[in-house]
Amino acid sequence: MGGNSKPIGAAITLVLDTAGNAFKVLLTLVLTFYLLLNGNNLWEGFFSLLPAPIGVPIQRSLRQNFQNYYIGQVTLASLNGTLITLAFLALKVPFGLLFGLGIAVMGIIPFAGALTVTVITILVALQNFWLGLKVLIIVLAIDQSMNNLVAPRILGELTGLSPALILISLLVGLQVAGPLGLIIAVPLASSFKFLLDELRNPSPEQEQLVESSAL
């Protein structure tokens, strides 16, 4: 009796963990679309409370950094999804086109793409172990190539952050704010870097804002 309870307990734990991760991904999707649709109103309401020399550059920086970051995420997710879809079609993976599209869509959210790949690999392996192993190897090869060769250049140019700072920002954001932290961590870090640069070397526009507010 006791021997049977361990596998059952492990299965329940696996189901609960999977459900929890799926809920986090869903919540992240909802928050992402909400910010995309209503982000401007939220920012404008908040920054209207701040003095112009502070609020204007911060608001402009945040808007630009959010836009740049998600342009980078969409670009990377599209490239990654396209390569994986072609690999799935070449390997004749069942529902390869659908799986590739799912990976591309979920890849917009940090870490969600990896979770999707894991689930798909398990599903394929349950039907055909060797095909699942091939899928895992191909996906890991594509993912590592993207993360080490393509992503640092694209995200680095768009956000002004190094790959290490991007990863640290995501981990801190996840720890502090959960799914919402994954959405806002990198743009906030990029804006914080911008503010530090402005404090050290104010731009002519910033100096003009300070002078006009003083008058």
C-alpha atoms as a PDB file:
ATOM      1  CA  MET A   1       0.000   0.000   0.000  1.00  0.00           C
ATOM      2  CA  GLY A   2       2.792   2.380   0.980  1.00  0.00           C
ATOM      3  CA  GLY A   3       4.681   1.562  -2.224  1.00  0.00           C
ATOM      4  CA  ASN A   4       1.721   2.580  -4.362  1.00  0.00           C
ATOM      5  CA  SER A   5       1.244   5.890  -2.563  1.00  0.00           C
ATOM      6  CA  LYS A   6       4.630   7.254  -3.652  1.00  0.00           C
ATOM      7  CA  PRO A   7       3.959   7.154  -7.427  1.00  0.00           C
ATOM      8  CA  ILE A   8       0.485   8.581  -6.842  1.00  0.00           C
ATOM      9  CA  GLY A   9       1.910  11.400  -4.740  1.00  0.00           C
ATOM     10  CA  ALA A  10       4.570  12.131  -7.356  1.00  0.00           C
ATOM     11  CA  ALA A  11       1.929  12.189 -10.102  1.00  0.00           C
ATOM     12  CA  ILE A  12      -0.248  14.598  -8.098  1.00  0.00           C
ATOM     13  CA  THR A  13       2.753  16.853  -7.470  1.00  0.00           C
ATOM     14  CA  LEU A  14       3.625  16.835 -11.180  1.00  0.00           C
ATOM     15  CA  VAL A  15       0.046  17.713 -12.146  1.00  0.00           C
ATOM     16  CA  LEU A  16      -0.111  20.542  -9.599  1.00  0.00           C
ATOM     17  CA  ASP A  17       3.270  21.940 -10.686  1.00  0.00           C
ATOM     18  CA  THR A  18       2.241  21.796 -14.346  1.00  0.00           C
ATOM     19  CA  ALA A  19      -1.064  23.496 -13.579  1.00  0.00           C
ATOM     20  CA  GLY A  20       0.735  26.174 -11.578  1.00  0.00           C
ATOM     21  CA  ASN A  21       3.203  26.858 -14.386  1.00  0.00           C
ATOM     22  CA  ALA A  22       0.399  26.943 -16.947  1.00  0.00           C
ATOM     23  CA  PHE A  23      -1.480  29.460 -14.798  1.00  0.00           C
ATOM     24  CA  LYS A  24       1.618  31.656 -14.547  1.00  0.00           C
ATOM     25  CA  VAL A  25       2.050  31.584 -18.327  1.00  0.00           C
ATOM     26  CA  LEU A  26      -1.638  32.446 -18.827  1.00  0.00           C
ATOM     27  CA  LEU A  27      -1.417  35.269 -16.302  1.00  0.00           C
ATOM     28  CA  THR A  28       1.684  36.614 -18.025  1.00  0.00           C
ATOM     29  CA  LEU A  29      -0.128  36.565 -21.383  1.00  0.00           C
ATOM     30  CA  VAL A  30      -3.098  38.450 -19.934  1.00  0.00           C
ATOM     31  CA  LEU A  31      -0.867  41.058 -18.291  1.00  0.00           C
ATOM     32  CA  THR A  32       1.163  41.457 -21.478  1.00  0.00           C
ATOM     33  CA  PHE A  33      -1.878  42.148 -23.645  1.00  0.00           C
ATOM     34  CA  TYR A  34      -3.360  44.440 -20.990  1.00  0.00           C
ATOM     35  CA  LEU A  35      -0.204  46.541 -20.887  1.00  0.00           C
ATOM     36  CA  LEU A  36      -0.050  46.641 -24.679  1.00  0.00           C
ATOM     37  CA  LEU A  37      -3.649  47.880 -24.871  1.00  0.00           C
ATOM     38  CA  ASN A  38      -3.755  50.225 -21.865  1.00  0.00           C
ATOM     39  CA  GLY A  39      -0.116  50.925 -21.124  1.00  0.00           C
ATOM     40  CA  ASN A  40      -0.146  54.507 -22.423  1.00  0.00           C
ATOM     41  CA  ASN A  41      -3.056  55.520 -20.181  1.00  0.00           C
ATOM     42  CA  LEU A  42      -1.378  54.008 -17.135  1.00  0.00           C
ATOM     43  CA  TRP A  43       1.941  55.730 -17.810  1.00  0.00           C
ATOM     44  CA  GLU A  44       0.376  59.116 -18.587  1.00  0.00           C
ATOM     45  CA  GLY A  45      -1.714  59.041 -15.403  1.00  0.00           C
ATOM     46  CA  PHE A  46       1.306  58.219 -13.272  1.00  0.00           C
ATOM     47  CA  PHE A  47       3.822  60.592 -14.846  1.00  0.00           C
ATOM     48  CA  SER A  48       1.403  63.531 -14.830  1.00  0.00           C
ATOM     49  CA  LEU A  49       1.989  63.608 -11.056  1.00  0.00           C
ATOM     50  CA  LEU A  50       5.734  64.182 -11.484  1.00  0.00           C
ATOM     51  CA  PRO A  51       7.530  67.457 -12.328  1.00  0.00           C
ATOM     52  CA  ALA A  52       8.210  67.844 -16.053  1.00  0.00           C
ATOM     53  CA  PRO A  53      12.043  67.609 -15.793  1.00  0.00           C
ATOM     54  CA  ILE A  54      11.620  64.186 -14.195  1.00  0.00           C
ATOM     55  CA  GLY A  55       8.390  62.847 -15.664  1.00  0.00           C
ATOM     56  CA  VAL A  56       8.937  63.699 -19.339  1.00  0.00           C
ATOM     57  CA  PRO A  57      12.299  61.930 -19.877  1.00  0.00           C
ATOM     58  CA  ILE A  58      11.282  58.937 -17.744  1.00  0.00           C
ATOM     59  CA  GLN A  59       7.994  58.514 -19.594  1.00  0.00           C
ATOM     60  CA  ARG A  60       9.696  58.838 -22.966  1.00  0.00           C
ATOM     61  CA  SER A  61      12.424  56.390 -21.988  1.00  0.00           C
ATOM     62  CA  LEU A  62       9.989  53.795 -20.624  1.00  0.00           C
ATOM     63  CA  ARG A  63       7.764  53.958 -23.683  1.00  0.00           C
ATOM     64  CA  GLN A  64      10.722  53.606 -26.028  1.00  0.00           C
ATOM     65  CA  ASN A  65      12.305  50.793 -24.013  1.00  0.00           C
ATOM     66  CA  PHE A  66       9.080  48.803 -23.771  1.00  0.00           C
ATOM     67  CA  GLN A  67       8.594  49.187 -27.504  1.00  0.00           C
ATOM     68  CA  ASN A  68      12.188  48.226 -28.307  1.00  0.00           C
ATOM     69  CA  TYR A  69      12.188  45.239 -25.976  1.00  0.00           C
ATOM     70  CA  TYR A  70       9.009  43.715 -27.364  1.00  0.00           C
ATOM     71  CA  ILE A  71      10.102  44.366 -30.939  1.00  0.00           C
ATOM     72  CA  GLY A  72      13.203  42.355 -30.050  1.00  0.00           C
ATOM     73  CA  GLN A  73      11.168  39.605 -28.383  1.00  0.00           C
ATOM     74  CA  VAL A  74       8.793  39.311 -31.351  1.00  0.00           C
ATOM     75  CA  THR A  75      11.734  39.226 -33.776  1.00  0.00           C
ATOM     76  CA  LEU A  76      13.525  36.501 -31.821  1.00  0.00           C
ATOM     77  CA  ALA A  77      10.344  34.475 -31.304  1.00  0.00           C
ATOM     78  CA  SER A  78       9.547  34.663 -35.022  1.00  0.00           C
ATOM     79  CA  LEU A  79      13.032  33.540 -36.050  1.00  0.00           C
ATOM     80  CA  ASN A  80      13.101  30.776 -33.453  1.00  0.00           C
ATOM     81  CA  GLY A  81       9.598  29.584 -34.324  1.00  0.00           C
ATOM     82  CA  THR A  82      10.362  29.560 -38.044  1.00  0.00           C
ATOM     83  CA  LEU A  83      13.550  27.514 -37.634  1.00  0.00           C
ATOM     84  CA  ILE A  84      11.887  25.041 -35.273  1.00  0.00           C
ATOM     85  CA  THR A  85       8.858  24.700 -37.565  1.00  0.00           C
ATOM     86  CA  LEU A  86      11.103  23.904 -40.532  1.00  0.00           C
ATOM     87  CA  ALA A  87      12.951  21.339 -38.405  1.00  0.00           C
ATOM     88  CA  PHE A  88       9.662  19.766 -37.296  1.00  0.00           C
ATOM     89  CA  LEU A  89       8.462  19.539 -40.893  1.00  0.00           C
ATOM     90  CA  ALA A  90      11.765  17.983 -41.978  1.00  0.00           C
ATOM     91  CA  LEU A  91      11.512  15.403 -39.185  1.00  0.00           C
ATOM     92  CA  LYS A  92       7.826  14.840 -40.026  1.00  0.00           C
ATOM     93  CA  VAL A  93       6.735  15.590 -36.480  1.00  0.00           C
ATOM     94  CA  PRO A  94       2.954  15.185 -36.096  1.00  0.00           C
ATOM     95  CA  PHE A  95       1.285  18.611 -35.918  1.00  0.00           C
ATOM     96  CA  GLY A  96       4.713  20.140 -36.570  1.00  0.00           C
ATOM     97  CA  LEU A  97       3.302  23.344 -38.042  1.00  0.00           C
ATOM     98  CA  LEU A  98       0.946  23.835 -35.092  1.00  0.00           C
ATOM     99  CA  PHE A  99       3.684  23.082 -32.565  1.00  0.00           C
ATOM    100  CA  GLY A 100       6.068  25.501 -34.273  1.00  0.00           C
ATOM    101  CA  LEU A 101       3.452  28.250 -34.244  1.00  0.00           C
ATOM    102  CA  GLY A 102       2.819  27.636 -30.541  1.00  0.00           C
ATOM    103  CA  ILE A 103       6.526  27.915 -29.757  1.00  0.00           C
ATOM    104  CA  ALA A 104       6.753  31.163 -31.744  1.00  0.00           C
ATOM    105  CA  VAL A 105       3.797  32.737 -29.929  1.00  0.00           C
ATOM    106  CA  MET A 106       4.894  31.649 -26.457  1.00  0.00           C
ATOM    107  CA  GLY A 107       8.477  32.677 -27.205  1.00  0.00           C
ATOM    108  CA  ILE A 108       7.435  36.330 -26.930  1.00  0.00           C
ATOM    109  CA  ILE A 109       7.243  35.838 -23.158  1.00  0.00           C
ATOM    110  CA  PRO A 110      10.571  35.192 -21.384  1.00  0.00           C
ATOM    111  CA  PHE A 111      10.919  31.540 -20.288  1.00  0.00           C
ATOM    112  CA  ALA A 112       7.455  30.616 -21.646  1.00  0.00           C
ATOM    113  CA  GLY A 113       8.965  29.363 -24.892  1.00  0.00           C
ATOM    114  CA  ALA A 114      11.216  26.939 -23.007  1.00  0.00           C
ATOM    115  CA  LEU A 115       8.219  25.573 -21.095  1.00  0.00           C
ATOM    116  CA  THR A 116       6.300  25.096 -24.345  1.00  0.00           C
ATOM    117  CA  VAL A 117       9.236  23.266 -25.946  1.00  0.00           C
ATOM    118  CA  THR A 118       9.470  20.951 -22.932  1.00  0.00           C
ATOM    119  CA  VAL A 119       5.777  20.064 -23.105  1.00  0.00           C
ATOM    120  CA  ILE A 120       5.908  19.457 -26.869  1.00  0.00           C
ATOM    121  CA  THR A 121       9.029  17.289 -26.577  1.00  0.00           C
ATOM    122  CA  ILE A 122       7.342  15.151 -23.922  1.00  0.00           C
ATOM    123  CA  LEU A 123       4.207  14.778 -26.059  1.00  0.00           C
ATOM    124  CA  VAL A 124       6.248  13.688 -29.077  1.00  0.00           C
ATOM    125  CA  ALA A 125       8.382  11.306 -26.985  1.00  0.00           C
ATOM    126  CA  LEU A 126       5.263   9.635 -25.599  1.00  0.00           C
ATOM    127  CA  GLN A 127       4.303   8.706 -29.158  1.00  0.00           C
ATOM    128  CA  ASN A 128       7.791   7.978 -30.497  1.00  0.00           C
ATOM    129  CA  PHE A 129      10.771   8.034 -28.138  1.00  0.00           C
ATOM    130  CA  TRP A 130      13.467   8.341 -30.823  1.00  0.00           C
ATOM    131  CA  LEU A 131      11.591  11.092 -32.620  1.00  0.00           C
ATOM    132  CA  GLY A 132      11.203  12.889 -29.303  1.00  0.00           C
ATOM    133  CA  LEU A 133      14.951  12.598 -28.734  1.00  0.00           C
ATOM    134  CA  LYS A 134      15.655  14.056 -32.191  1.00  0.00           C
ATOM    135  CA  VAL A 135      13.233  16.901 -31.488  1.00  0.00           C
ATOM    136  CA  LEU A 136      14.973  17.632 -28.185  1.00  0.00           C
ATOM    137  CA  ILE A 137      18.435  17.711 -29.789  1.00  0.00           C
ATOM    138  CA  ILE A 138      17.331  19.923 -32.695  1.00  0.00           C
ATOM    139  CA  VAL A 139      15.418  22.335 -30.469  1.00  0.00           C
ATOM    140  CA  LEU A 140      18.329  22.646 -28.030  1.00  0.00           C
ATOM    141  CA  ALA A 141      20.731  23.317 -30.911  1.00  0.00           C
ATOM    142  CA  ILE A 142      18.479  26.029 -32.361  1.00  0.00           C
ATOM    143  CA  ASP A 143      17.795  27.520 -28.940  1.00  0.00           C
ATOM    144  CA  GLN A 144      21.477  27.689 -27.994  1.00  0.00           C
ATOM    145  CA  SER A 145      22.382  29.233 -31.346  1.00  0.00           C
ATOM    146  CA  MET A 146      19.689  31.879 -30.942  1.00  0.00           C
ATOM    147  CA  ASN A 147      20.587  32.646 -27.314  1.00  0.00           C
ATOM    148  CA  ASN A 148      24.340  32.853 -27.884  1.00  0.00           C
ATOM    149  CA  LEU A 149      24.609  34.345 -31.381  1.00  0.00           C
ATOM    150  CA  VAL A 150      21.436  36.224 -32.289  1.00  0.00           C
ATOM    151  CA  ALA A 151      19.629  37.308 -29.109  1.00  0.00           C
ATOM    152  CA  PRO A 152      22.520  39.217 -27.471  1.00  0.00           C
ATOM    153  CA  ARG A 153      23.024  41.314 -30.586  1.00  0.00           C
ATOM    154  CA  ILE A 154      19.337  42.094 -31.194  1.00  0.00           C
ATOM    155  CA  LEU A 155      18.313  42.749 -27.583  1.00  0.00           C
ATOM    156  CA  GLY A 156      21.598  44.465 -26.782  1.00  0.00           C
ATOM    157  CA  GLU A 157      21.164  46.955 -29.612  1.00  0.00           C
ATOM    158  CA  LEU A 158      17.494  47.595 -28.794  1.00  0.00           C
ATOM    159  CA  THR A 159      17.771  47.906 -25.002  1.00  0.00           C
ATOM    160  CA  GLY A 160      21.363  49.016 -24.468  1.00  0.00           C
ATOM    161  CA  LEU A 161      21.889  46.224 -21.920  1.00  0.00           C
ATOM    162  CA  SER A 162      24.430  43.414 -21.941  1.00  0.00           C
ATOM    163  CA  PRO A 163      23.171  39.791 -22.022  1.00  0.00           C
ATOM    164  CA  ALA A 164      24.207  39.362 -18.375  1.00  0.00           C
ATOM    165  CA  LEU A 165      22.186  42.405 -17.286  1.00  0.00           C
ATOM    166  CA  ILE A 166      19.166  41.208 -19.280  1.00  0.00           C
ATOM    167  CA  LEU A 167      19.285  37.798 -17.579  1.00  0.00           C
ATOM    168  CA  ILE A 168      19.780  39.331 -14.122  1.00  0.00           C
ATOM    169  CA  SER A 169      16.882  41.728 -14.741  1.00  0.00           C
ATOM    170  CA  LEU A 170      14.575  38.853 -15.702  1.00  0.00           C
ATOM    171  CA  LEU A 171      15.549  36.770 -12.671  1.00  0.00           C
ATOM    172  CA  VAL A 172      15.119  39.701 -10.279  1.00  0.00           C
ATOM    173  CA  GLY A 173      11.810  40.655 -11.891  1.00  0.00           C
ATOM    174  CA  LEU A 174      10.516  37.093 -11.587  1.00  0.00           C
ATOM    175  CA  GLN A 175      11.583  36.886  -7.947  1.00  0.00           C
ATOM    176  CA  VAL A 176      10.099  40.260  -6.966  1.00  0.00           C
ATOM    177  CA  ALA A 177       6.908  40.467  -9.030  1.00  0.00           C
ATOM    178  CA  GLY A 178       6.300  37.024 -10.521  1.00  0.00           C
ATOM    179  CA  PRO A 179       4.813  36.964 -14.053  1.00  0.00           C
ATOM    180  CA  LEU A 180       4.465  40.751 -14.122  1.00  0.00           C
ATOM    181  CA  GLY A 181       8.168  41.056 -13.344  1.00  0.00           C
ATOM    182  CA  LEU A 182       9.042  39.111 -16.493  1.00  0.00           C
ATOM    183  CA  ILE A 183       7.107  41.636 -18.565  1.00  0.00           C
ATOM    184  CA  ILE A 184       8.532  44.843 -17.133  1.00  0.00           C
ATOM    185  CA  ALA A 185      11.984  43.848 -15.821  1.00  0.00           C
ATOM    186  CA  VAL A 186      14.137  44.519 -18.891  1.00  0.00           C
ATOM    187  CA  PRO A 187      12.437  47.789 -19.977  1.00  0.00           C
ATOM    188  CA  LEU A 188      12.684  49.094 -16.403  1.00  0.00           C
ATOM    189  CA  ALA A 189      16.351  48.128 -16.176  1.00  0.00           C
ATOM    190  CA  SER A 190      17.030  49.806 -19.505  1.00  0.00           C
ATOM    191  CA  SER A 191      15.221  52.965 -18.364  1.00  0.00           C
ATOM    192  CA  PHE A 192      17.151  52.958 -15.090  1.00  0.00           C
ATOM    193  CA  LYS A 193      20.392  52.812 -17.066  1.00  0.00           C
ATOM    194  CA  PHE A 194      19.149  55.706 -19.205  1.00  0.00           C
ATOM    195  CA  LEU A 195      18.413  57.797 -16.094  1.00  0.00           C
ATOM    196  CA  LEU A 196      21.870  57.137 -14.681  1.00  0.00           C
ATOM    197  CA  ASP A 197      23.397  58.219 -17.991  1.00  0.00           C
ATOM    198  CA  GLU A 198      21.235  61.369 -17.956  1.00  0.00           C
ATOM    199  CA  LEU A 199      22.326  62.238 -14.415  1.00  0.00           C
ATOM    200  CA  ARG A 200      25.976  61.852 -15.354  1.00  0.00           C
ATOM    201  CA  ASN A 201      25.711  63.594 -18.725  1.00  0.00           C
ATOM    202  CA  PRO A 202      22.445  65.554 -19.095  1.00  0.00           C
ATOM    203  CA  SER A 203      21.294  66.012 -22.667  1.00  0.00           C
ATOM    204  CA  PRO A 204      20.589  69.555 -23.984  1.00  0.00           C
ATOM    205  CA  GLU A 205      16.874  68.732 -24.016  1.00  0.00           C
ATOM    206  CA  GLN A 206      16.983  67.712 -20.348  1.00  0.00           C
ATOM    207  CA  GLU A 207      18.814  70.912 -19.384  1.00  0.00           C
ATOM    208  CA  GLN A 208      16.190  72.942 -21.257  1.00  0.00           C
ATOM    209  CA  LEU A 209      13.385  71.193 -19.354  1.00  0.00           C
ATOM    210  CA  VAL A 210      15.058  71.972 -16.032  1.00  0.00           C
ATOM    211  CA  GLU A 211      15.520  75.628 -16.961  1.00  0.00           C
ATOM    212  CA  SER A 212      11.927  76.029 -18.169  1.00  0.00           C
ATOM    213  CA  SER A 213      10.516  74.419 -15.008  1.00  0.00           C
ATOM    214  CA  ALA A 214      12.640  76.735 -12.857  1.00  0.00           C
ATOM    215  CA  LEU A 215      11.096  79.729 -14.607  1.00  0.00           C
END
